[in-house]
Amino acid sequence: MNIPLSELSADALNAIIEEFVSREGTDYGEGNFELEAKCAAVRRQLERGEAEICFDPASETIDIRLR
């Protein structure tokens, strides 16, 4: 189930993005990026519709996926 950005509070959205970018194995290409830069990049992808927030009711987990 996709969750529209408009249905999330700013705090909830920030927490989802921060949890996503801090996962082990998340690949941002070559180089080191600070948490803030990673969060900003994911937020831009969400705002442009390149990525979406998905909730899985069976496992009760949230993920961010490319469209």
Protein backbone atom coordinates (compact mmCIF):
# COMPACT_ATOMS: atom_id res chain seq x y z
CA MET A 1 0.00 0.00 0.00
CA ASN A 2 1.47 3.37 -1.01
CA ILE A 3 1.41 6.21 1.50
CA PRO A 4 1.03 9.71 0.00
CA LEU A 5 3.45 12.29 1.41
CA SER A 6 0.51 14.57 2.17
CA GLU A 7 -0.81 12.04 4.71
CA LEU A 8 2.36 12.13 6.83
CA SER A 9 3.37 14.76 9.34
CA ALA A 10 6.76 16.40 8.80
CA ASP A 11 8.15 14.52 11.80
CA ALA A 12 6.87 11.16 10.57
CA LEU A 13 8.25 11.74 7.07
CA ASN A 14 11.63 12.77 8.46
CA ALA A 15 11.76 9.68 10.68
CA ILE A 16 10.90 7.35 7.78
CA ILE A 17 13.54 8.90 5.53
CA GLU A 18 16.20 8.89 8.25
CA GLU A 19 15.52 5.24 9.10
CA PHE A 20 15.71 4.32 5.42
CA VAL A 21 19.03 6.03 4.71
CA SER A 22 20.65 4.68 7.86
CA ARG A 23 20.02 1.03 6.92
CA GLU A 24 23.05 -1.14 6.29
CA GLY A 25 23.64 -1.84 2.63
CA THR A 26 21.98 1.29 1.24
CA ASP A 27 24.06 2.22 -1.82
CA TYR A 28 24.65 5.86 -2.70
CA GLY A 29 27.47 5.24 -5.14
CA GLU A 30 31.06 6.24 -4.64
CA GLY A 31 32.02 8.62 -1.86
CA ASN A 32 30.84 9.33 1.63
CA PHE A 33 27.69 11.31 2.23
CA GLU A 34 26.48 12.77 5.50
CA LEU A 35 23.11 11.66 6.86
CA GLU A 36 21.61 15.08 6.10
CA ALA A 37 22.68 14.91 2.44
CA LYS A 38 21.31 11.38 2.08
CA CYS A 39 17.98 12.42 3.60
CA ALA A 40 17.75 15.44 1.30
CA ALA A 41 18.39 13.26 -1.76
CA VAL A 42 15.68 10.77 -0.79
CA ARG A 43 13.24 13.58 0.01
CA ARG A 44 13.81 15.06 -3.48
CA GLN A 45 13.13 11.66 -5.06
CA LEU A 46 9.89 11.36 -3.10
CA GLU A 47 8.78 14.89 -3.98
CA ARG A 48 9.51 14.35 -7.69
CA GLY A 49 7.59 11.07 -7.67
CA GLU A 50 10.70 9.02 -8.49
CA ALA A 51 10.29 7.06 -5.23
CA GLU A 52 7.35 6.14 -3.05
CA ILE A 53 6.68 5.17 0.54
CA CYS A 54 5.15 1.70 0.84
CA PHE A 55 3.52 0.11 3.87
CA ASP A 56 3.23 -3.68 4.09
CA PRO A 57 0.30 -4.51 6.39
CA ALA A 58 1.34 -8.18 6.70
CA SER A 59 4.75 -7.36 8.19
CA GLU A 60 3.77 -3.89 9.43
CA THR A 61 6.88 -2.39 7.83
CA ILE A 62 7.53 0.73 5.79
CA ASP A 63 9.95 0.96 2.89
CA ILE A 64 10.92 3.52 0.28
CA ARG A 65 11.08 2.16 -3.25
CA LEU A 66 11.94 3.57 -6.64
CA ARG A 67 8.99 3.79 -9.00
